[in-house]
Each structure stands twice: as structure tokens, then as C-alpha cells.
ModelCIF file with pLDDT and N, C-alpha, C, O atoms, coordinates in Angstrom:
data_MODEL
#
_entry.id   MODEL 
#
_entity.id                         1 
_entity.type                       polymer 
_entity.pdbx_number_of_molecules   1 
#
_entity_poly.entity_id                      1 
_entity_poly.type                           'polypeptide(L)' 
_entity_poly.nstd_linkage                   no 
_entity_poly.nstd_monomer                   no 
_entity_poly.pdbx_seq_one_letter_code       VQIQATKALGWSRMESRNIDGMNVHDISDAAF 
_entity_poly.pdbx_seq_one_letter_code_can   VQIQATKALGWSRMESRNIDGMNVHDISDAAF 
_entity_poly.pdbx_strand_id                 A 
#
loop_
_entity_poly_seq.entity_id 
_entity_poly_seq.num 
_entity_poly_seq.mon_id 
_entity_poly_seq.hetero 
1 1  VAL n 
1 2  GLN n 
1 3  ILE n 
1 4  GLN n 
1 5  ALA n 
1 6  THR n 
1 7  LYS n 
1 8  ALA n 
1 9  LEU n 
1 10 GLY n 
1 11 TRP n 
1 12 SER n 
1 13 ARG n 
1 14 MET n 
1 15 GLU n 
1 16 SER n 
1 17 ARG n 
1 18 ASN n 
1 19 ILE n 
1 20 ASP n 
1 21 GLY n 
1 22 MET n 
1 23 ASN n 
1 24 VAL n 
1 25 HIS n 
1 26 ASP n 
1 27 ILE n 
1 28 SER n 
1 29 ASP n 
1 30 ALA n 
1 31 ALA n 
1 32 PHE n 
#
_struct_asym.id          A 
_struct_asym.entity_id   1 
#
loop_
_ma_qa_metric.id 
_ma_qa_metric.mode 
_ma_qa_metric.name 
_ma_qa_metric.software_group_id 
_ma_qa_metric.type 
1 global pLDDT . pLDDT 
2 local  pLDDT . pLDDT 
#
_ma_qa_metric_global.metric_id      1 
_ma_qa_metric_global.metric_value   97.84 
_ma_qa_metric_global.model_id       1 
_ma_qa_metric_global.ordinal_id     1 
#
loop_
_ma_qa_metric_local.label_asym_id 
_ma_qa_metric_local.label_comp_id 
_ma_qa_metric_local.label_seq_id 
_ma_qa_metric_local.metric_id 
_ma_qa_metric_local.metric_value 
_ma_qa_metric_local.model_id 
_ma_qa_metric_local.ordinal_id 
A VAL 1  2 98.00 1 1  
A GLN 2  2 98.00 1 2  
A ILE 3  2 98.00 1 3  
A GLN 4  2 98.00 1 4  
A ALA 5  2 98.00 1 5  
A THR 6  2 98.00 1 6  
A LYS 7  2 98.00 1 7  
A ALA 8  2 98.00 1 8  
A LEU 9  2 98.00 1 9  
A GLY 10 2 98.00 1 10 
A TRP 11 2 98.00 1 11 
A SER 12 2 98.00 1 12 
A ARG 13 2 98.00 1 13 
A MET 14 2 98.00 1 14 
A GLU 15 2 98.00 1 15 
A SER 16 2 98.00 1 16 
A ARG 17 2 98.00 1 17 
A ASN 18 2 98.00 1 18 
A ILE 19 2 98.00 1 19 
A ASP 20 2 97.00 1 20 
A GLY 21 2 95.00 1 21 
A MET 22 2 97.00 1 22 
A ASN 23 2 98.00 1 23 
A VAL 24 2 98.00 1 24 
A HIS 25 2 98.00 1 25 
A ASP 26 2 98.00 1 26 
A ILE 27 2 98.00 1 27 
A SER 28 2 98.00 1 28 
A ASP 29 2 98.00 1 29 
A ALA 30 2 98.00 1 30 
A ALA 31 2 98.00 1 31 
A PHE 32 2 98.00 1 32 
#
loop_
_atom_site.group_PDB 
_atom_site.id 
_atom_site.type_symbol 
_atom_site.label_atom_id 
_atom_site.label_alt_id 
_atom_site.label_comp_id 
_atom_site.label_asym_id 
_atom_site.label_entity_id 
_atom_site.label_seq_id 
_atom_site.pdbx_PDB_ins_code 
_atom_site.Cartn_x 
_atom_site.Cartn_y 
_atom_site.Cartn_z 
_atom_site.occupancy 
_atom_site.B_iso_or_equiv 
_atom_site.pdbx_formal_charge 
_atom_site.auth_seq_id 
_atom_site.auth_comp_id 
_atom_site.auth_asym_id 
_atom_site.auth_atom_id 
_atom_site.pdbx_PDB_model_num 
ATOM 1   N N  . VAL A 1 1  ? 44.831 80.109 -65.453 1.00 98.00 ? 1  VAL A N  1 
ATOM 2   C CA . VAL A 1 1  ? 44.447 79.214 -64.355 1.00 98.00 ? 1  VAL A CA 1 
ATOM 3   C C  . VAL A 1 1  ? 43.108 78.553 -64.657 1.00 98.00 ? 1  VAL A C  1 
ATOM 4   O O  . VAL A 1 1  ? 42.911 77.377 -64.353 1.00 98.00 ? 1  VAL A O  1 
ATOM 5   N N  . GLN A 1 2  ? 42.196 79.298 -65.248 1.00 98.00 ? 2  GLN A N  1 
ATOM 6   C CA . GLN A 1 2  ? 40.886 78.745 -65.588 1.00 98.00 ? 2  GLN A CA 1 
ATOM 7   C C  . GLN A 1 2  ? 41.024 77.603 -66.592 1.00 98.00 ? 2  GLN A C  1 
ATOM 8   O O  . GLN A 1 2  ? 40.339 76.586 -66.480 1.00 98.00 ? 2  GLN A O  1 
ATOM 9   N N  . ILE A 1 3  ? 41.891 77.771 -67.551 1.00 98.00 ? 3  ILE A N  1 
ATOM 10  C CA . ILE A 1 3  ? 42.132 76.712 -68.533 1.00 98.00 ? 3  ILE A CA 1 
ATOM 11  C C  . ILE A 1 3  ? 42.803 75.516 -67.868 1.00 98.00 ? 3  ILE A C  1 
ATOM 12  O O  . ILE A 1 3  ? 42.440 74.371 -68.137 1.00 98.00 ? 3  ILE A O  1 
ATOM 13  N N  . GLN A 1 4  ? 43.771 75.773 -67.007 1.00 98.00 ? 4  GLN A N  1 
ATOM 14  C CA . GLN A 1 4  ? 44.465 74.694 -66.303 1.00 98.00 ? 4  GLN A CA 1 
ATOM 15  C C  . GLN A 1 4  ? 43.490 73.833 -65.506 1.00 98.00 ? 4  GLN A C  1 
ATOM 16  O O  . GLN A 1 4  ? 43.556 72.605 -65.557 1.00 98.00 ? 4  GLN A O  1 
ATOM 17  N N  . ALA A 1 5  ? 42.584 74.480 -64.770 1.00 98.00 ? 5  ALA A N  1 
ATOM 18  C CA . ALA A 1 5  ? 41.612 73.741 -63.965 1.00 98.00 ? 5  ALA A CA 1 
ATOM 19  C C  . ALA A 1 5  ? 40.663 72.945 -64.846 1.00 98.00 ? 5  ALA A C  1 
ATOM 20  O O  . ALA A 1 5  ? 40.304 71.815 -64.512 1.00 98.00 ? 5  ALA A O  1 
ATOM 21  N N  . THR A 1 6  ? 40.255 73.526 -65.966 1.00 98.00 ? 6  THR A N  1 
ATOM 22  C CA . THR A 1 6  ? 39.369 72.831 -66.909 1.00 98.00 ? 6  THR A CA 1 
ATOM 23  C C  . THR A 1 6  ? 40.039 71.571 -67.438 1.00 98.00 ? 6  THR A C  1 
ATOM 24  O O  . THR A 1 6  ? 39.423 70.506 -67.473 1.00 98.00 ? 6  THR A O  1 
ATOM 25  N N  . LYS A 1 7  ? 41.278 71.687 -67.845 1.00 98.00 ? 7  LYS A N  1 
ATOM 26  C CA . LYS A 1 7  ? 42.004 70.543 -68.403 1.00 98.00 ? 7  LYS A CA 1 
ATOM 27  C C  . LYS A 1 7  ? 42.337 69.516 -67.314 1.00 98.00 ? 7  LYS A C  1 
ATOM 28  O O  . LYS A 1 7  ? 42.414 68.322 -67.602 1.00 98.00 ? 7  LYS A O  1 
ATOM 29  N N  . ALA A 1 8  ? 42.536 69.964 -66.067 1.00 98.00 ? 8  ALA A N  1 
ATOM 30  C CA . ALA A 1 8  ? 42.805 69.033 -64.965 1.00 98.00 ? 8  ALA A CA 1 
ATOM 31  C C  . ALA A 1 8  ? 41.617 68.105 -64.740 1.00 98.00 ? 8  ALA A C  1 
ATOM 32  O O  . ALA A 1 8  ? 41.780 66.984 -64.259 1.00 98.00 ? 8  ALA A O  1 
ATOM 33  N N  . LEU A 1 9  ? 40.421 68.578 -65.091 1.00 98.00 ? 9  LEU A N  1 
ATOM 34  C CA . LEU A 1 9  ? 39.212 67.771 -64.960 1.00 98.00 ? 9  LEU A CA 1 
ATOM 35  C C  . LEU A 1 9  ? 38.968 66.918 -66.207 1.00 98.00 ? 9  LEU A C  1 
ATOM 36  O O  . LEU A 1 9  ? 38.041 66.109 -66.237 1.00 98.00 ? 9  LEU A O  1 
ATOM 37  N N  . GLY A 1 10 ? 39.791 67.099 -67.221 1.00 98.00 ? 10 GLY A N  1 
ATOM 38  C CA . GLY A 1 10 ? 39.601 66.350 -68.464 1.00 98.00 ? 10 GLY A CA 1 
ATOM 39  C C  . GLY A 1 10 ? 38.517 66.938 -69.341 1.00 98.00 ? 10 GLY A C  1 
ATOM 40  O O  . GLY A 1 10 ? 37.993 66.250 -70.217 1.00 98.00 ? 10 GLY A O  1 
ATOM 41  N N  . TRP A 1 11 ? 38.167 68.206 -69.123 1.00 98.00 ? 11 TRP A N  1 
ATOM 42  C CA . TRP A 1 11 ? 37.103 68.857 -69.871 1.00 98.00 ? 11 TRP A CA 1 
ATOM 43  C C  . TRP A 1 11 ? 37.688 69.732 -70.970 1.00 98.00 ? 11 TRP A C  1 
ATOM 44  O O  . TRP A 1 11 ? 38.858 70.113 -70.927 1.00 98.00 ? 11 TRP A O  1 
ATOM 45  N N  . SER A 1 12 ? 36.856 70.042 -71.952 1.00 98.00 ? 12 SER A N  1 
ATOM 46  C CA . SER A 1 12 ? 37.269 70.921 -73.040 1.00 98.00 ? 12 SER A CA 1 
ATOM 47  C C  . SER A 1 12 ? 36.408 72.174 -73.124 1.00 98.00 ? 12 SER A C  1 
ATOM 48  O O  . SER A 1 12 ? 36.552 72.976 -74.046 1.00 98.00 ? 12 SER A O  1 
ATOM 49  N N  . ARG A 1 13 ? 35.501 72.339 -72.142 1.00 98.00 ? 13 ARG A N  1 
ATOM 50  C CA . ARG A 1 13 ? 34.607 73.496 -72.138 1.00 98.00 ? 13 ARG A CA 1 
ATOM 51  C C  . ARG A 1 13 ? 34.660 74.218 -70.790 1.00 98.00 ? 13 ARG A C  1 
ATOM 52  O O  . ARG A 1 13 ? 34.939 73.612 -69.755 1.00 98.00 ? 13 ARG A O  1 
ATOM 53  N N  . MET A 1 14 ? 34.388 75.515 -70.826 1.00 98.00 ? 14 MET A N  1 
ATOM 54  C CA . MET A 1 14 ? 34.236 76.295 -69.616 1.00 98.00 ? 14 MET A CA 1 
ATOM 55  C C  . MET A 1 14 ? 33.173 77.358 -69.843 1.00 98.00 ? 14 MET A C  1 
ATOM 56  O O  . MET A 1 14 ? 32.992 77.847 -70.958 1.00 98.00 ? 14 MET A O  1 
ATOM 57  N N  . GLU A 1 15 ? 32.474 77.709 -68.772 1.00 98.00 ? 15 GLU A N  1 
ATOM 58  C CA . GLU A 1 15 ? 31.527 78.818 -68.830 1.00 98.00 ? 15 GLU A CA 1 
ATOM 59  C C  . GLU A 1 15 ? 32.278 80.055 -68.370 1.00 98.00 ? 15 GLU A C  1 
ATOM 60  O O  . GLU A 1 15 ? 32.872 80.053 -67.291 1.00 98.00 ? 15 GLU A O  1 
ATOM 61  N N  . SER A 1 16 ? 32.258 81.102 -69.165 1.00 98.00 ? 16 SER A N  1 
ATOM 62  C CA . SER A 1 16 ? 33.051 82.283 -68.858 1.00 98.00 ? 16 SER A CA 1 
ATOM 63  C C  . SER A 1 16 ? 32.205 83.360 -68.194 1.00 98.00 ? 16 SER A C  1 
ATOM 64  O O  . SER A 1 16 ? 31.167 83.770 -68.712 1.00 98.00 ? 16 SER A O  1 
ATOM 65  N N  . ARG A 1 17 ? 32.675 83.803 -67.040 1.00 98.00 ? 17 ARG A N  1 
ATOM 66  C CA . ARG A 1 17 ? 32.026 84.902 -66.329 1.00 98.00 ? 17 ARG A CA 1 
ATOM 67  C C  . ARG A 1 17 ? 33.073 86.002 -66.142 1.00 98.00 ? 17 ARG A C  1 
ATOM 68  O O  . ARG A 1 17 ? 33.158 86.917 -66.961 1.00 98.00 ? 17 ARG A O  1 
ATOM 69  N N  . ASN A 1 18 ? 33.866 85.922 -65.077 1.00 98.00 ? 18 ASN A N  1 
ATOM 70  C CA . ASN A 1 18 ? 34.888 86.940 -64.833 1.00 98.00 ? 18 ASN A CA 1 
ATOM 71  C C  . ASN A 1 18 ? 36.275 86.456 -65.236 1.00 98.00 ? 18 ASN A C  1 
ATOM 72  O O  . ASN A 1 18 ? 36.635 85.299 -65.019 1.00 98.00 ? 18 ASN A O  1 
ATOM 73  N N  . ILE A 1 19 ? 37.038 87.357 -65.820 1.00 98.00 ? 19 ILE A N  1 
ATOM 74  C CA . ILE A 1 19 ? 38.444 87.110 -66.137 1.00 98.00 ? 19 ILE A CA 1 
ATOM 75  C C  . ILE A 1 19 ? 39.235 88.287 -65.578 1.00 98.00 ? 19 ILE A C  1 
ATOM 76  O O  . ILE A 1 19 ? 39.036 89.436 -65.974 1.00 98.00 ? 19 ILE A O  1 
ATOM 77  N N  . ASP A 1 20 ? 40.133 87.975 -64.653 1.00 97.00 ? 20 ASP A N  1 
ATOM 78  C CA . ASP A 1 20 ? 40.882 89.027 -63.944 1.00 97.00 ? 20 ASP A CA 1 
ATOM 79  C C  . ASP A 1 20 ? 39.940 90.050 -63.321 1.00 97.00 ? 20 ASP A C  1 
ATOM 80  O O  . ASP A 1 20 ? 40.204 91.252 -63.347 1.00 97.00 ? 20 ASP A O  1 
ATOM 81  N N  . GLY A 1 21 ? 38.843 89.557 -62.761 1.00 95.00 ? 21 GLY A N  1 
ATOM 82  C CA . GLY A 1 21 ? 37.932 90.401 -62.000 1.00 95.00 ? 21 GLY A CA 1 
ATOM 83  C C  . GLY A 1 21 ? 36.896 91.153 -62.805 1.00 95.00 ? 21 GLY A C  1 
ATOM 84  O O  . GLY A 1 21 ? 36.104 91.897 -62.225 1.00 95.00 ? 21 GLY A O  1 
ATOM 85  N N  . MET A 1 22 ? 36.867 90.990 -64.123 1.00 97.00 ? 22 MET A N  1 
ATOM 86  C CA . MET A 1 22 ? 35.880 91.674 -64.959 1.00 97.00 ? 22 MET A CA 1 
ATOM 87  C C  . MET A 1 22 ? 35.128 90.660 -65.814 1.00 97.00 ? 22 MET A C  1 
ATOM 88  O O  . MET A 1 22 ? 35.692 89.658 -66.255 1.00 97.00 ? 22 MET A O  1 
ATOM 89  N N  . ASN A 1 23 ? 33.854 90.936 -66.039 1.00 98.00 ? 23 ASN A N  1 
ATOM 90  C CA . ASN A 1 23 ? 33.071 90.030 -66.866 1.00 98.00 ? 23 ASN A CA 1 
ATOM 91  C C  . ASN A 1 23 ? 33.636 89.996 -68.279 1.00 98.00 ? 23 ASN A C  1 
ATOM 92  O O  . ASN A 1 23 ? 34.176 90.986 -68.772 1.00 98.00 ? 23 ASN A O  1 
ATOM 93  N N  . VAL A 1 24 ? 33.503 88.849 -68.913 1.00 98.00 ? 24 VAL A N  1 
ATOM 94  C CA . VAL A 1 24 ? 34.070 88.651 -70.246 1.00 98.00 ? 24 VAL A CA 1 
ATOM 95  C C  . VAL A 1 24 ? 33.518 89.655 -71.260 1.00 98.00 ? 24 VAL A C  1 
ATOM 96  O O  . VAL A 1 24 ? 34.183 89.943 -72.255 1.00 98.00 ? 24 VAL A O  1 
ATOM 97  N N  . HIS A 1 25 ? 32.313 90.196 -71.029 1.00 98.00 ? 25 HIS A N  1 
ATOM 98  C CA . HIS A 1 25 ? 31.808 91.191 -71.968 1.00 98.00 ? 25 HIS A CA 1 
ATOM 99  C C  . HIS A 1 25 ? 32.306 92.606 -71.636 1.00 98.00 ? 25 HIS A C  1 
ATOM 100 O O  . HIS A 1 25 ? 32.036 93.543 -72.387 1.00 98.00 ? 25 HIS A O  1 
ATOM 101 N N  . ASP A 1 26 ? 33.027 92.768 -70.522 1.00 98.00 ? 26 ASP A N  1 
ATOM 102 C CA . ASP A 1 26 ? 33.513 94.090 -70.136 1.00 98.00 ? 26 ASP A CA 1 
ATOM 103 C C  . ASP A 1 26 ? 35.030 94.272 -70.266 1.00 98.00 ? 26 ASP A C  1 
ATOM 104 O O  . ASP A 1 26 ? 35.518 95.402 -70.230 1.00 98.00 ? 26 ASP A O  1 
ATOM 105 N N  . ILE A 1 27 ? 35.770 93.188 -70.415 1.00 98.00 ? 27 ILE A N  1 
ATOM 106 C CA . ILE A 1 27 ? 37.223 93.320 -70.545 1.00 98.00 ? 27 ILE A CA 1 
ATOM 107 C C  . ILE A 1 27 ? 37.562 94.034 -71.853 1.00 98.00 ? 27 ILE A C  1 
ATOM 108 O O  . ILE A 1 27 ? 36.749 94.086 -72.775 1.00 98.00 ? 27 ILE A O  1 
ATOM 109 N N  . SER A 1 28 ? 38.762 94.578 -71.917 1.00 98.00 ? 28 SER A N  1 
ATOM 110 C CA . SER A 1 28 ? 39.171 95.326 -73.108 1.00 98.00 ? 28 SER A CA 1 
ATOM 111 C C  . SER A 1 28 ? 39.303 94.401 -74.316 1.00 98.00 ? 28 SER A C  1 
ATOM 112 O O  . SER A 1 28 ? 39.370 93.180 -74.176 1.00 98.00 ? 28 SER A O  1 
ATOM 113 N N  . ASP A 1 29 ? 39.338 94.998 -75.489 1.00 98.00 ? 29 ASP A N  1 
ATOM 114 C CA . ASP A 1 29 ? 39.513 94.213 -76.708 1.00 98.00 ? 29 ASP A CA 1 
ATOM 115 C C  . ASP A 1 29 ? 40.846 93.461 -76.685 1.00 98.00 ? 29 ASP A C  1 
ATOM 116 O O  . ASP A 1 29 ? 40.932 92.313 -77.122 1.00 98.00 ? 29 ASP A O  1 
ATOM 117 N N  . ALA A 1 30 ? 41.878 94.126 -76.171 1.00 98.00 ? 30 ALA A N  1 
ATOM 118 C CA . ALA A 1 30 ? 43.188 93.479 -76.107 1.00 98.00 ? 30 ALA A CA 1 
ATOM 119 C C  . ALA A 1 30 ? 43.155 92.288 -75.162 1.00 98.00 ? 30 ALA A C  1 
ATOM 120 O O  . ALA A 1 30 ? 43.725 91.237 -75.456 1.00 98.00 ? 30 ALA A O  1 
ATOM 121 N N  . ALA A 1 31 ? 42.483 92.454 -74.020 1.00 98.00 ? 31 ALA A N  1 
ATOM 122 C CA . ALA A 1 31 ? 42.368 91.356 -73.060 1.00 98.00 ? 31 ALA A CA 1 
ATOM 123 C C  . ALA A 1 31 ? 41.558 90.212 -73.645 1.00 98.00 ? 31 ALA A C  1 
ATOM 124 O O  . ALA A 1 31 ? 41.869 89.043 -73.418 1.00 98.00 ? 31 ALA A O  1 
ATOM 125 N N  . PHE A 1 32 ? 40.518 90.548 -74.398 1.00 98.00 ? 32 PHE A N  1 
ATOM 126 C CA . PHE A 1 32 ? 39.710 89.496 -75.018 1.00 98.00 ? 32 PHE A CA 1 
ATOM 127 C C  . PHE A 1 32 ? 40.508 88.758 -76.085 1.00 98.00 ? 32 PHE A C  1 
ATOM 128 O O  . PHE A 1 32 ? 39.990 87.836 -76.716 1.00 98.00 ? 32 PHE A O  1 
#
């Protein structure tokens, strides 16, 4: 969904904070 919203705006970048409720530095290796 985050990618979809980014592309809907015509952008190619996003700032990553939480993914599925966890910060990008805390998600599992598989999730990353």
C-alpha cells in the first residue's frame, strides 16, 4: 500500500518508518 500511494503521487521515493506496525529497523530479516 505504501508503494501504491507513492506511485499514485508520481513519486519514486518514500521515507520508511513503520511497516506492518514495526519500524523498518525492527522487522525480521525475512520481512525486510
